[in-house]
Amino acid sequence: MNSTERSAELDNWAILCTFLPEDWENQAWDLGAMQRARYIKDPAVVLRLLLMHVGAGCSLAETAARCKAAGLAQITSVGVFKRLRAAEPWFRWLAQQMRGATTLPMKLLGRRLRAVDATSVNEPGTTGTDWKLHYCVNLADLHCDFFQLTDIREGGETFRRVPVVAGDILMGDRVYAAPPGVSHVVSRGGDVIVRLNRGALPLYEPSGERIKLLPLLRQVAEKPREYAAHVKGPRGEWIRGRLLALRQSAEATRWTQKRMQRRAQRDQQSVSSESLECAEYFTVWSTLPAAVPTAQILELYRLRWQIEISFKRMKSILGLGHLPKKDPLSAQAWLEGKLFVGLLIERMIHTAEAISPWGYTLANPTQSVARD
């Protein structure tokens, strides 16, 4: 690398550092990422070599070779592997600091609307999934405001994992439609919008009588219908809510029914006629007050796909979907590093929307958020 190229690279690195949280270098020491510091004493060098491996997708050997060629450090592939293992707490801290701490509300509601979902990640040589990434996106700016990485054996998807602030609206698919998760949100002053899960979220009339869903749905014609439908919480408390239903198009119904039949065939089960008829309807349950119209809640639920797009982007562009590691500690460090890279890219793209003529921001570095 000639002097001009090296100068440009250092300049780019200095700009990238403006996006990093305050105290990131000291945290490298405090969280153990600078073990064996007699060989590499600069946290910036450690971060750069790890970003080559995790962010750019270089192998351990290629990362070591690139470090040597760039004059960063003399290190072996084994040394890179050990650095990665030691950096897991540091990567986790960096990712947590990069997540959006904003409470920017949706203009439509004046409240924060958040989509919650989870995705699985495989280790090599396995047929099942090994890790679960729980993720929450603020739909006002599409920034991640919460994430949690768990082993697949403790990876149940529930709203109970997500910290809730009074006024929040949490939105999830069928797997989040369960009384414990709903109660978690409502008891903290929030509301939920969930796709109805007939088995996990039993609905009741205001009188306490169990609702028979299909006779209600058969009343739905061209326009969406709304019914009072309460849920019994885990402590026996009643949670007021609204069942929103509309008839799906013929094409959407056929697609849903075919998917149900494929899944049942795979699991060697059968699909009931009641389930096939329910597939003709799109049903959502929400605790939002009557002041929020039915049509508006249904339109809000459409925004949930933004979190699916975030997962597709992380898996297709950043390669998050499949782990190249077998060692548990290095696998977790690699995942935390990928999350950090993804959140760093989000922050850079957000800044680039109002880029200045000189090519970088004059704003202060990212402010740290409180450690969990």
Protein backbone atom coordinates (compact mmCIF):
# COMPACT_ATOMS: atom_id res chain seq x y z
CA MET A 1 0.00 0.00 0.00
CA ASN A 2 1.49 3.34 -1.08
CA SER A 3 1.47 6.46 1.10
CA THR A 4 -1.50 8.05 -0.73
CA GLU A 5 -3.68 4.97 -0.29
CA ARG A 6 -2.68 4.65 3.35
CA SER A 7 -3.49 8.33 3.99
CA ALA A 8 -6.94 7.93 2.40
CA GLU A 9 -7.66 4.81 4.46
CA LEU A 10 -6.67 6.53 7.69
CA ASP A 11 -8.88 9.48 6.75
CA ASN A 12 -11.83 7.15 6.14
CA TRP A 13 -11.22 5.41 9.45
CA ALA A 14 -11.19 8.75 11.27
CA ILE A 15 -14.58 9.58 9.74
CA LEU A 16 -15.99 6.17 10.69
CA CYS A 17 -14.85 6.73 14.27
CA THR A 18 -17.17 9.73 14.52
CA PHE A 19 -20.09 7.26 14.37
CA LEU A 20 -18.80 5.17 17.27
CA PRO A 21 -20.10 5.65 20.83
CA GLU A 22 -18.16 7.65 23.37
CA ASP A 23 -15.62 5.74 25.45
CA TRP A 24 -15.46 2.86 22.96
CA GLU A 25 -11.68 2.57 23.34
CA ASN A 26 -11.74 2.46 27.15
CA GLN A 27 -14.51 -0.12 27.04
CA ALA A 28 -12.25 -2.38 24.98
CA TRP A 29 -9.90 -2.53 27.96
CA ASP A 30 -12.63 -2.77 30.59
CA LEU A 31 -14.51 -5.59 28.80
CA GLY A 32 -11.50 -7.78 28.11
CA ALA A 33 -11.05 -7.21 24.37
CA MET A 34 -7.44 -6.13 24.91
CA GLN A 35 -6.15 -9.40 26.33
CA ARG A 36 -2.59 -10.16 25.18
CA ALA A 37 -2.13 -6.37 24.85
CA ARG A 38 1.64 -6.72 24.59
CA TYR A 39 1.13 -7.62 20.92
CA ILE A 40 -1.54 -5.07 19.96
CA LYS A 41 -1.97 -2.13 22.31
CA ASP A 42 -4.41 0.00 20.30
CA PRO A 43 -8.18 -0.77 20.49
CA ALA A 44 -8.61 0.86 17.08
CA VAL A 45 -6.34 -1.74 15.50
CA VAL A 46 -8.28 -4.56 17.17
CA LEU A 47 -11.59 -3.15 15.93
CA ARG A 48 -10.29 -2.68 12.40
CA LEU A 49 -9.00 -6.24 12.12
CA LEU A 50 -12.22 -7.65 13.59
CA LEU A 51 -14.30 -5.61 11.14
CA MET A 52 -12.27 -7.12 8.31
CA HIS A 53 -13.30 -10.56 9.52
CA VAL A 54 -16.87 -9.90 10.66
CA GLY A 55 -17.92 -6.99 8.45
CA ALA A 56 -16.05 -7.67 5.20
CA GLY A 57 -16.34 -11.45 5.47
CA CYS A 58 -12.62 -12.18 5.23
CA SER A 59 -11.45 -15.54 6.53
CA LEU A 60 -9.20 -15.70 9.58
CA ALA A 61 -6.15 -16.27 7.37
CA GLU A 62 -7.11 -13.49 4.95
CA THR A 63 -7.72 -11.09 7.84
CA ALA A 64 -4.27 -11.82 9.24
CA ALA A 65 -2.69 -11.32 5.80
CA ARG A 66 -4.53 -8.04 5.20
CA CYS A 67 -3.49 -6.72 8.61
CA LYS A 68 0.12 -7.46 7.80
CA ALA A 69 -0.10 -5.91 4.32
CA ALA A 70 -1.75 -2.77 5.70
CA GLY A 71 0.91 -2.42 8.38
CA LEU A 72 -1.64 -2.70 11.17
CA ALA A 73 -0.22 -5.66 13.07
CA GLN A 74 1.71 -8.91 12.82
CA ILE A 75 -0.90 -11.48 13.70
CA THR A 76 -1.74 -15.07 12.79
CA SER A 77 -5.13 -16.55 11.94
CA VAL A 78 -5.14 -18.17 15.39
CA GLY A 79 -4.48 -14.75 16.88
CA VAL A 80 -7.47 -13.28 15.02
CA PHE A 81 -9.64 -16.14 16.33
CA LYS A 82 -8.56 -15.47 19.92
CA ARG A 83 -9.19 -11.75 19.49
CA LEU A 84 -12.69 -12.50 18.27
CA ARG A 85 -13.45 -14.72 21.26
CA ALA A 86 -12.19 -12.08 23.69
CA ALA A 87 -14.16 -9.29 21.97
CA GLU A 88 -17.65 -10.76 22.51
CA PRO A 89 -18.54 -8.50 25.52
CA TRP A 90 -17.09 -5.48 23.70
CA PHE A 91 -19.05 -6.18 20.52
CA ARG A 92 -22.20 -6.61 22.61
CA TRP A 93 -21.60 -3.25 24.31
CA LEU A 94 -20.92 -1.53 20.97
CA ALA A 95 -24.11 -2.93 19.44
CA GLN A 96 -26.15 -1.89 22.46
CA GLN A 97 -24.81 1.66 22.21
CA MET A 98 -25.50 1.86 18.48
CA ARG A 99 -29.16 0.90 18.78
CA GLY A 100 -31.57 3.81 18.49
CA ALA A 101 -32.38 5.36 21.85
CA THR A 102 -34.95 7.68 20.28
CA THR A 103 -38.59 7.79 21.36
CA LEU A 104 -39.62 9.51 18.13
CA PRO A 105 -43.41 9.12 17.87
CA MET A 106 -45.48 8.30 14.80
CA LYS A 107 -46.99 11.58 13.65
CA LEU A 108 -50.27 9.83 13.00
CA LEU A 109 -50.70 8.74 16.62
CA GLY A 110 -48.31 10.89 18.61
CA ARG A 111 -47.00 7.63 20.13
CA ARG A 112 -44.07 5.33 19.51
CA LEU A 113 -44.99 2.40 17.24
CA ARG A 114 -42.59 -0.56 17.51
CA ALA A 115 -42.50 -3.80 15.51
CA VAL A 116 -41.18 -6.88 17.32
CA ASP A 117 -40.00 -10.11 15.72
CA ALA A 118 -37.28 -12.74 15.89
CA THR A 119 -35.15 -14.66 13.42
CA SER A 120 -33.01 -17.76 13.75
CA VAL A 121 -29.36 -18.32 12.83
CA ASN A 122 -27.73 -21.68 12.06
CA GLU A 123 -24.33 -22.99 12.96
CA PRO A 124 -22.50 -25.09 10.34
CA GLY A 125 -23.19 -28.81 10.22
CA THR A 126 -26.54 -28.63 12.00
CA THR A 127 -30.00 -29.24 10.64
CA GLY A 128 -31.82 -27.12 13.21
CA THR A 129 -31.41 -23.57 14.42
CA ASP A 130 -28.95 -22.67 17.13
CA TRP A 131 -29.41 -18.99 17.95
CA LYS A 132 -32.38 -16.66 18.07
CA LEU A 133 -32.15 -12.92 17.47
CA HIS A 134 -35.01 -10.95 19.08
CA TYR A 135 -35.33 -7.55 17.43
CA CYS A 136 -37.47 -4.44 17.86
CA VAL A 137 -37.72 -1.60 15.32
CA ASN A 138 -39.08 1.90 15.89
CA LEU A 139 -41.29 2.34 12.83
CA ALA A 140 -40.98 6.14 12.91
CA ASP A 141 -37.36 6.01 11.75
CA LEU A 142 -36.81 2.24 11.14
CA HIS A 143 -34.00 2.13 13.71
CA CYS A 144 -33.48 -0.80 16.05
CA ASP A 145 -34.27 0.22 19.64
CA PHE A 146 -33.88 -3.20 21.28
CA PHE A 147 -32.30 -6.55 20.52
CA GLN A 148 -31.45 -9.70 22.43
CA LEU A 149 -29.46 -12.74 21.34
CA THR A 150 -30.43 -16.05 22.94
CA ASP A 151 -29.66 -19.73 22.60
CA ILE A 152 -32.38 -21.48 20.62
CA ARG A 153 -33.37 -23.50 23.70
CA GLU A 154 -34.36 -20.31 25.52
CA GLY A 155 -35.48 -18.41 22.46
CA GLY A 156 -39.25 -18.18 23.01
CA GLU A 157 -40.74 -15.20 21.16
CA THR A 158 -42.71 -12.96 23.51
CA PHE A 159 -43.32 -9.29 24.25
CA ARG A 160 -42.01 -9.97 27.77
CA ARG A 161 -38.44 -9.68 26.48
CA VAL A 162 -38.96 -6.08 25.35
CA PRO A 163 -38.70 -3.10 27.74
CA VAL A 164 -41.86 -1.00 27.47
CA VAL A 165 -42.37 2.72 28.11
CA ALA A 166 -45.84 4.10 28.83
CA GLY A 167 -47.48 5.06 25.55
CA ASP A 168 -45.61 2.49 23.43
CA ILE A 169 -47.55 0.48 20.85
CA LEU A 170 -45.99 -2.94 20.25
CA MET A 171 -46.88 -4.87 17.13
CA GLY A 172 -46.21 -8.55 16.43
CA ASP A 173 -47.37 -11.52 14.41
CA ARG A 174 -49.33 -14.54 15.68
CA VAL A 175 -46.59 -15.90 17.91
CA TYR A 176 -46.79 -12.74 20.08
CA ALA A 177 -50.55 -13.11 20.54
CA ALA A 178 -50.47 -14.67 24.01
CA PRO A 179 -51.92 -13.37 27.32
CA PRO A 180 -48.59 -13.16 29.26
CA GLY A 181 -46.94 -10.97 26.63
CA VAL A 182 -50.02 -8.80 26.17
CA SER A 183 -50.30 -8.34 29.94
CA HIS A 184 -46.61 -7.34 30.11
CA VAL A 185 -47.22 -4.46 27.69
CA VAL A 186 -50.57 -3.29 29.03
CA SER A 187 -49.46 -3.31 32.67
CA ARG A 188 -46.69 -0.86 31.73
CA GLY A 189 -49.00 1.60 30.02
CA GLY A 190 -48.59 0.37 26.45
CA ASP A 191 -50.87 -1.11 23.80
CA VAL A 192 -50.54 -4.01 21.39
CA ILE A 193 -51.53 -4.85 17.83
CA VAL A 194 -51.18 -8.57 17.08
CA ARG A 195 -52.30 -10.98 14.41
CA LEU A 196 -54.88 -13.22 16.06
CA ASN A 197 -53.74 -16.67 17.18
CA ARG A 198 -56.96 -18.62 17.75
CA GLY A 199 -55.28 -21.24 19.92
CA ALA A 200 -53.00 -19.09 22.09
CA LEU A 201 -55.21 -16.03 22.56
CA PRO A 202 -58.75 -17.02 23.57
CA LEU A 203 -61.21 -14.13 23.31
CA TYR A 204 -64.16 -13.40 25.57
CA GLU A 205 -67.32 -11.33 25.43
CA PRO A 206 -67.53 -8.42 27.93
CA SER A 207 -69.89 -10.71 29.86
CA GLY A 208 -67.09 -13.26 30.27
CA GLU A 209 -68.47 -15.80 27.79
CA ARG A 210 -65.96 -17.38 25.35
CA ILE A 211 -66.32 -15.96 21.83
CA LYS A 212 -67.10 -18.38 19.03
CA LEU A 213 -64.98 -16.87 16.31
CA LEU A 214 -66.29 -18.37 13.09
CA PRO A 215 -69.94 -17.20 13.44
CA LEU A 216 -68.62 -13.65 13.95
CA LEU A 217 -66.36 -13.83 10.92
CA ARG A 218 -69.19 -15.01 8.71
CA GLN A 219 -70.84 -11.64 9.34
CA VAL A 220 -67.92 -9.82 7.67
CA ALA A 221 -68.79 -8.62 4.18
CA GLU A 222 -66.90 -6.09 2.10
CA LYS A 223 -65.97 -3.66 4.86
CA PRO A 224 -63.87 -4.43 7.98
CA ARG A 225 -65.83 -5.27 11.12
CA GLU A 226 -64.96 -4.68 14.76
CA TYR A 227 -66.07 -6.56 17.87
CA ALA A 228 -65.40 -6.06 21.58
CA ALA A 229 -63.15 -8.95 22.60
CA HIS A 230 -61.42 -9.21 25.96
CA VAL A 231 -58.49 -11.37 27.02
CA LYS A 232 -57.92 -12.95 30.43
CA GLY A 233 -54.42 -12.16 31.72
CA PRO A 234 -52.14 -14.62 33.53
CA ARG A 235 -53.23 -13.28 36.95
CA GLY A 236 -56.92 -13.53 36.09
CA GLU A 237 -57.27 -9.85 35.19
CA TRP A 238 -59.38 -8.78 32.22
CA ILE A 239 -57.67 -6.93 29.37
CA ARG A 240 -60.04 -4.94 27.19
CA GLY A 241 -59.51 -5.23 23.48
CA ARG A 242 -60.97 -5.14 19.98
CA LEU A 243 -61.15 -7.86 17.36
CA LEU A 244 -60.76 -6.44 13.85
CA ALA A 245 -61.64 -8.59 10.86
CA LEU A 246 -61.91 -8.22 7.10
CA ARG A 247 -62.41 -10.65 4.28
CA GLN A 248 -59.29 -11.47 2.26
CA SER A 249 -59.19 -11.51 -1.51
CA ALA A 250 -59.68 -14.85 -3.26
CA GLU A 251 -56.01 -14.91 -4.25
CA ALA A 252 -54.81 -14.19 -0.70
CA THR A 253 -57.16 -16.87 0.64
CA ARG A 254 -55.85 -19.50 -1.79
CA TRP A 255 -52.25 -18.62 -0.90
CA THR A 256 -52.96 -18.87 2.85
CA GLN A 257 -54.80 -22.17 2.52
CA LYS A 258 -52.06 -23.71 0.38
CA ARG A 259 -49.44 -22.67 2.92
CA MET A 260 -51.50 -24.23 5.73
CA GLN A 261 -51.84 -27.47 3.78
CA ARG A 262 -48.12 -27.63 2.95
CA ARG A 263 -47.22 -27.10 6.59
CA ALA A 264 -49.70 -29.76 7.72
CA GLN A 265 -48.38 -32.22 5.14
CA ARG A 266 -44.84 -31.59 6.32
CA ASP A 267 -45.86 -32.24 9.93
CA GLN A 268 -48.03 -35.22 8.92
CA GLN A 269 -51.18 -33.55 10.19
CA SER A 270 -54.48 -32.51 8.67
CA VAL A 271 -56.09 -29.09 8.36
CA SER A 272 -59.60 -28.75 9.80
CA SER A 273 -62.41 -27.32 7.71
CA GLU A 274 -62.81 -24.59 10.34
CA SER A 275 -59.18 -23.53 9.90
CA LEU A 276 -59.58 -23.44 6.12
CA GLU A 277 -62.67 -21.25 6.46
CA CYS A 278 -60.94 -18.92 8.95
CA ALA A 279 -58.20 -18.46 6.34
CA GLU A 280 -60.70 -16.45 4.32
CA TYR A 281 -60.41 -13.66 6.89
CA PHE A 282 -57.64 -11.41 8.14
CA THR A 283 -57.97 -10.93 11.91
CA VAL A 284 -56.11 -8.59 14.24
CA TRP A 285 -56.58 -8.03 17.97
CA SER A 286 -55.62 -4.73 19.60
CA THR A 287 -55.90 -2.93 22.92
CA LEU A 288 -55.91 0.52 21.26
CA PRO A 289 -58.87 2.68 22.32
CA ALA A 290 -61.95 3.20 20.18
CA ALA A 291 -60.64 6.64 19.23
CA VAL A 292 -58.26 4.89 16.81
CA PRO A 293 -60.40 3.77 13.84
CA THR A 294 -60.44 0.16 12.64
CA ALA A 295 -59.05 1.03 9.21
CA GLN A 296 -56.15 2.93 10.79
CA ILE A 297 -55.13 -0.04 12.96
CA LEU A 298 -55.19 -2.33 9.93
CA GLU A 299 -53.04 0.14 8.00
CA LEU A 300 -50.61 0.31 10.93
CA TYR A 301 -50.30 -3.47 10.94
CA ARG A 302 -49.14 -3.36 7.33
CA LEU A 303 -46.02 -1.52 8.54
CA ARG A 304 -44.93 -4.65 10.44
CA TRP A 305 -43.30 -5.89 7.24
CA GLN A 306 -40.54 -3.33 7.74
CA ILE A 307 -38.95 -5.58 10.36
CA GLU A 308 -39.07 -8.53 7.94
CA ILE A 309 -37.23 -6.36 5.43
CA SER A 310 -34.61 -5.57 8.09
CA PHE A 311 -34.00 -9.30 8.61
CA LYS A 312 -33.74 -9.95 4.87
CA ARG A 313 -31.23 -7.12 4.55
CA MET A 314 -29.10 -8.41 7.42
CA LYS A 315 -29.12 -11.96 6.08
CA SER A 316 -28.58 -11.20 2.40
CA ILE A 317 -26.12 -8.31 2.64
CA LEU A 318 -24.39 -8.94 5.95
CA GLY A 319 -24.57 -12.74 5.86
CA LEU A 320 -26.27 -13.02 9.24
CA GLY A 321 -28.32 -16.07 8.34
CA HIS A 322 -25.64 -18.75 8.72
CA LEU A 323 -22.79 -18.92 11.21
CA PRO A 324 -19.28 -19.78 10.00
CA LYS A 325 -18.32 -20.74 13.58
CA LYS A 326 -18.63 -23.89 15.64
CA ASP A 327 -17.15 -22.68 18.92
CA PRO A 328 -20.03 -21.20 21.01
CA LEU A 329 -18.10 -18.18 22.30
CA SER A 330 -16.70 -17.21 18.90
CA ALA A 331 -20.14 -17.80 17.34
CA GLN A 332 -21.74 -15.38 19.78
CA ALA A 333 -18.95 -12.83 19.25
CA TRP A 334 -19.42 -13.12 15.48
CA LEU A 335 -23.18 -12.54 15.82
CA GLU A 336 -22.72 -9.56 18.14
CA GLY A 337 -20.19 -8.16 15.66
CA LYS A 338 -22.64 -8.56 12.78
CA LEU A 339 -25.30 -6.72 14.77
CA PHE A 340 -22.85 -3.92 15.51
CA VAL A 341 -21.95 -3.63 11.81
CA GLY A 342 -25.62 -3.58 10.79
CA LEU A 343 -26.52 -0.89 13.33
CA LEU A 344 -23.44 1.12 12.37
CA ILE A 345 -24.52 1.01 8.73
CA GLU A 346 -28.03 2.14 9.73
CA ARG A 347 -26.57 5.14 11.53
CA MET A 348 -24.31 6.03 8.59
CA ILE A 349 -27.18 5.79 6.09
CA HIS A 350 -29.32 8.01 8.33
CA THR A 351 -26.53 10.59 8.41
CA ALA A 352 -25.99 10.33 4.64
CA GLU A 353 -29.58 11.45 4.03
CA ALA A 354 -28.43 14.95 4.99
CA ILE A 355 -24.78 14.65 3.96
CA SER A 356 -22.65 17.77 3.98
CA PRO A 357 -20.52 18.92 1.02
CA TRP A 358 -17.30 18.09 2.87
CA GLY A 359 -18.27 14.42 3.25
CA TYR A 360 -18.70 13.91 6.99
CA THR A 361 -20.65 15.17 9.96
CA LEU A 362 -19.48 17.79 12.43
CA ALA A 363 -21.82 16.42 15.10
CA ASN A 364 -20.52 15.06 18.37
CA PRO A 365 -19.90 11.31 18.62
CA THR A 366 -22.79 9.04 19.44
CA GLN A 367 -23.93 9.51 23.02
CA SER A 368 -23.80 6.38 25.13
CA VAL A 369 -26.96 4.85 26.49
CA ALA A 370 -27.19 3.27 29.92
CA ARG A 371 -25.87 -0.25 30.12
CA ASP A 372 -28.55 -2.89 30.76
